[in-house]
């Protein structure tokens, strides 16, 4: 049977599954030795807020939620104070809280959610995607490099320094 993969807005019915996926990702970061997401963020309130604000998105395979991300239009105040320089000054989508289920980790689903976010952005007339990650999140750094994101500098977010990237699409 061929898998059907979809990218859609998260609903309240997805909240428990999203939180489970985020918990798995938090544990993977810990086991990788990363400091990212080791301070109580993200949490169930983050998920509920994302859904209420309609910025939470899921990747589903055969209607089963396998990955999650928040996508925000022009909305990351920390990005205004980059130590470095963004590639563009126009409208952009911000990608936060990318996480995949343990069931599919390492099988390209994080890459796929980025591709879907890029397609979604283009379809909505947004031609820049910005993202940040911890300096020690080797999995995300690898994905960003593979997908052609450009390192633009550092931003201060969640009480720490984060590497900031942008891709013009």
Protein backbone atom coordinates (compact mmCIF):
# COMPACT_ATOMS: atom_id res chain seq x y z
CA UNK A 1 0.00 0.00 0.00
CA UNK A 2 1.31 3.43 -0.92
CA UNK A 3 1.53 5.93 1.90
CA UNK A 4 -0.51 9.09 1.64
CA UNK A 5 1.36 12.00 3.23
CA UNK A 6 -0.46 15.25 3.97
CA UNK A 7 0.46 18.56 5.56
CA UNK A 8 -2.37 20.31 7.37
CA UNK A 9 -3.28 22.66 10.18
CA UNK A 10 -3.30 20.96 13.57
CA UNK A 11 -6.61 20.63 15.41
CA UNK A 12 -7.40 20.19 19.08
CA UNK A 13 -7.95 16.48 18.34
CA UNK A 14 -4.24 16.28 17.44
CA UNK A 15 -2.97 17.88 20.68
CA UNK A 16 -2.22 14.69 22.64
CA UNK A 17 -0.39 13.07 19.72
CA UNK A 18 1.59 16.27 19.08
CA UNK A 19 2.62 16.45 22.74
CA UNK A 20 3.70 12.78 22.63
CA UNK A 21 5.82 13.50 19.53
CA UNK A 22 7.36 16.55 21.19
CA UNK A 23 8.17 14.51 24.32
CA UNK A 24 9.93 11.94 22.13
CA UNK A 25 11.91 14.70 20.39
CA UNK A 26 12.83 16.27 23.74
CA UNK A 27 14.20 12.91 24.87
CA UNK A 28 16.13 12.45 21.59
CA UNK A 29 17.72 15.87 22.07
CA UNK A 30 18.71 14.87 25.64
CA UNK A 31 20.18 11.55 24.50
CA UNK A 32 22.10 13.36 21.74
CA UNK A 33 23.65 15.57 24.44
CA UNK A 34 21.83 18.68 23.20
CA UNK A 35 20.71 21.36 25.61
CA UNK A 36 17.81 22.29 23.32
CA UNK A 37 14.33 21.77 24.81
CA UNK A 38 15.70 20.64 28.18
CA UNK A 39 14.11 23.43 30.25
CA UNK A 40 10.38 22.65 30.22
CA UNK A 41 9.76 24.10 26.77
CA UNK A 42 7.95 23.12 24.67
CA UNK A 43 5.10 21.85 26.84
CA UNK A 44 1.38 21.01 26.52
CA UNK A 45 0.48 24.70 26.88
CA UNK A 46 2.75 25.48 23.92
CA UNK A 47 0.88 22.93 21.81
CA UNK A 48 -2.54 24.25 22.83
CA UNK A 49 -1.45 27.83 22.16
CA UNK A 50 -0.12 26.89 18.71
CA UNK A 51 -3.42 25.22 17.84
CA UNK A 52 -5.51 28.12 19.15
CA UNK A 53 -3.41 30.62 17.19
CA UNK A 54 -3.72 28.35 14.13
CA UNK A 55 0.06 28.17 13.69
CA UNK A 56 0.46 24.45 14.48
CA UNK A 57 0.82 22.08 11.53
CA UNK A 58 1.07 18.32 11.30
CA UNK A 59 2.44 15.94 8.74
CA UNK A 60 0.27 12.84 8.50
CA UNK A 61 0.89 9.50 6.90
CA UNK A 62 -2.31 7.62 6.14
CA UNK A 63 -4.11 9.99 8.56
CA UNK A 64 -1.67 9.22 11.40
CA UNK A 65 0.20 12.25 12.81
CA UNK A 66 3.94 11.62 12.39
CA UNK A 67 5.50 15.10 12.59
CA UNK A 68 4.74 18.56 13.93
CA UNK A 69 5.85 22.14 13.44
CA UNK A 70 4.71 25.66 14.17
CA UNK A 71 4.73 28.07 11.22
CA UNK A 72 4.44 31.79 11.99
CA UNK A 73 4.14 34.61 9.46
CA UNK A 74 6.57 37.49 10.18
CA UNK A 75 6.33 36.75 13.90
CA UNK A 76 9.58 36.27 15.76
CA UNK A 77 10.67 39.40 17.63
CA UNK A 78 14.08 37.87 18.41
CA UNK A 79 14.84 37.84 14.69
CA UNK A 80 14.86 41.65 14.60
CA UNK A 81 18.11 41.66 16.59
CA UNK A 82 20.19 39.17 14.64
CA UNK A 83 23.93 39.31 15.10
CA UNK A 84 24.60 38.91 11.40
CA UNK A 85 22.33 39.65 8.46
CA UNK A 86 19.25 38.00 7.00
CA UNK A 87 19.19 37.34 3.24
CA UNK A 88 15.96 39.32 2.82
CA UNK A 89 13.84 41.95 4.53
CA UNK A 90 10.38 41.05 3.19
CA UNK A 91 7.68 38.76 4.47
CA UNK A 92 8.83 35.41 5.84
CA UNK A 93 7.58 32.31 7.57
CA UNK A 94 9.27 31.23 10.78
CA UNK A 95 9.58 27.52 11.53
CA UNK A 96 9.61 26.50 15.20
CA UNK A 97 9.19 23.25 17.14
CA UNK A 98 9.93 20.75 14.38
CA UNK A 99 9.51 17.25 15.81
CA UNK A 100 8.95 13.79 14.38
CA UNK A 101 7.57 10.66 15.99
CA UNK A 102 10.00 7.98 17.18
CA UNK A 103 8.19 5.63 14.77
CA UNK A 104 9.54 7.57 11.77
CA UNK A 105 12.66 9.29 13.16
CA UNK A 106 15.57 9.17 10.74
CA UNK A 107 13.36 8.33 7.75
CA UNK A 108 13.19 11.78 6.12
CA UNK A 109 10.00 13.12 7.70
CA UNK A 110 11.66 16.22 9.17
CA UNK A 111 12.98 16.98 5.68
CA UNK A 112 9.52 16.36 4.27
CA UNK A 113 7.83 18.76 6.71
CA UNK A 114 10.31 21.47 5.68
CA UNK A 115 9.53 20.80 2.00
CA UNK A 116 5.81 21.06 2.74
CA UNK A 117 6.35 24.31 4.68
CA UNK A 118 8.30 25.71 1.73
CA UNK A 119 5.50 24.70 -0.68
CA UNK A 120 2.88 26.18 1.68
CA UNK A 121 4.90 29.40 1.89
CA UNK A 122 5.21 29.73 -1.90
CA UNK A 123 1.49 29.04 -2.36
CA UNK A 124 0.78 31.92 0.03
CA UNK A 125 3.17 34.36 -1.66
CA UNK A 126 5.90 34.07 0.99
CA UNK A 127 9.34 33.48 -0.51
CA UNK A 128 11.52 33.34 2.61
CA UNK A 129 11.64 30.75 5.38
CA UNK A 130 13.61 31.49 8.55
CA UNK A 131 14.50 29.08 11.31
CA UNK A 132 16.81 28.87 14.29
CA UNK A 133 18.28 25.98 16.20
CA UNK A 134 20.66 25.23 19.01
CA UNK A 135 24.36 25.03 18.14
CA UNK A 136 24.34 21.41 19.40
CA UNK A 137 21.28 20.15 17.51
CA UNK A 138 23.27 18.19 14.95
CA UNK A 139 20.21 16.53 13.40
CA UNK A 140 18.55 19.87 12.58
CA UNK A 141 21.82 21.46 11.45
CA UNK A 142 22.24 18.54 9.01
CA UNK A 143 18.70 18.96 7.63
CA UNK A 144 19.12 22.71 7.16
CA UNK A 145 22.40 22.23 5.31
CA UNK A 146 20.91 19.48 3.12
CA UNK A 147 17.92 21.67 2.21
CA UNK A 148 20.06 24.68 1.27
CA UNK A 149 19.39 26.99 4.20
CA UNK A 150 21.98 29.74 4.61
CA UNK A 151 23.53 30.48 8.01
CA UNK A 152 22.82 34.16 8.69
CA UNK A 153 24.08 34.73 12.22
CA UNK A 154 22.91 34.34 15.79
CA UNK A 155 19.73 35.28 17.61
CA UNK A 156 18.90 35.22 21.31
CA UNK A 157 15.87 33.09 22.03
CA UNK A 158 14.63 30.99 24.94
CA UNK A 159 17.40 32.37 27.13
CA UNK A 160 20.24 31.36 24.83
CA UNK A 161 22.14 31.90 21.62
CA UNK A 162 20.68 30.18 18.58
CA UNK A 163 22.03 29.72 15.05
CA UNK A 164 19.74 31.47 12.56
CA UNK A 165 19.13 30.33 8.97
CA UNK A 166 17.15 31.55 6.00
CA UNK A 167 16.19 30.06 2.67
CA UNK A 168 14.83 32.07 -0.24
CA UNK A 169 12.32 29.93 -2.10
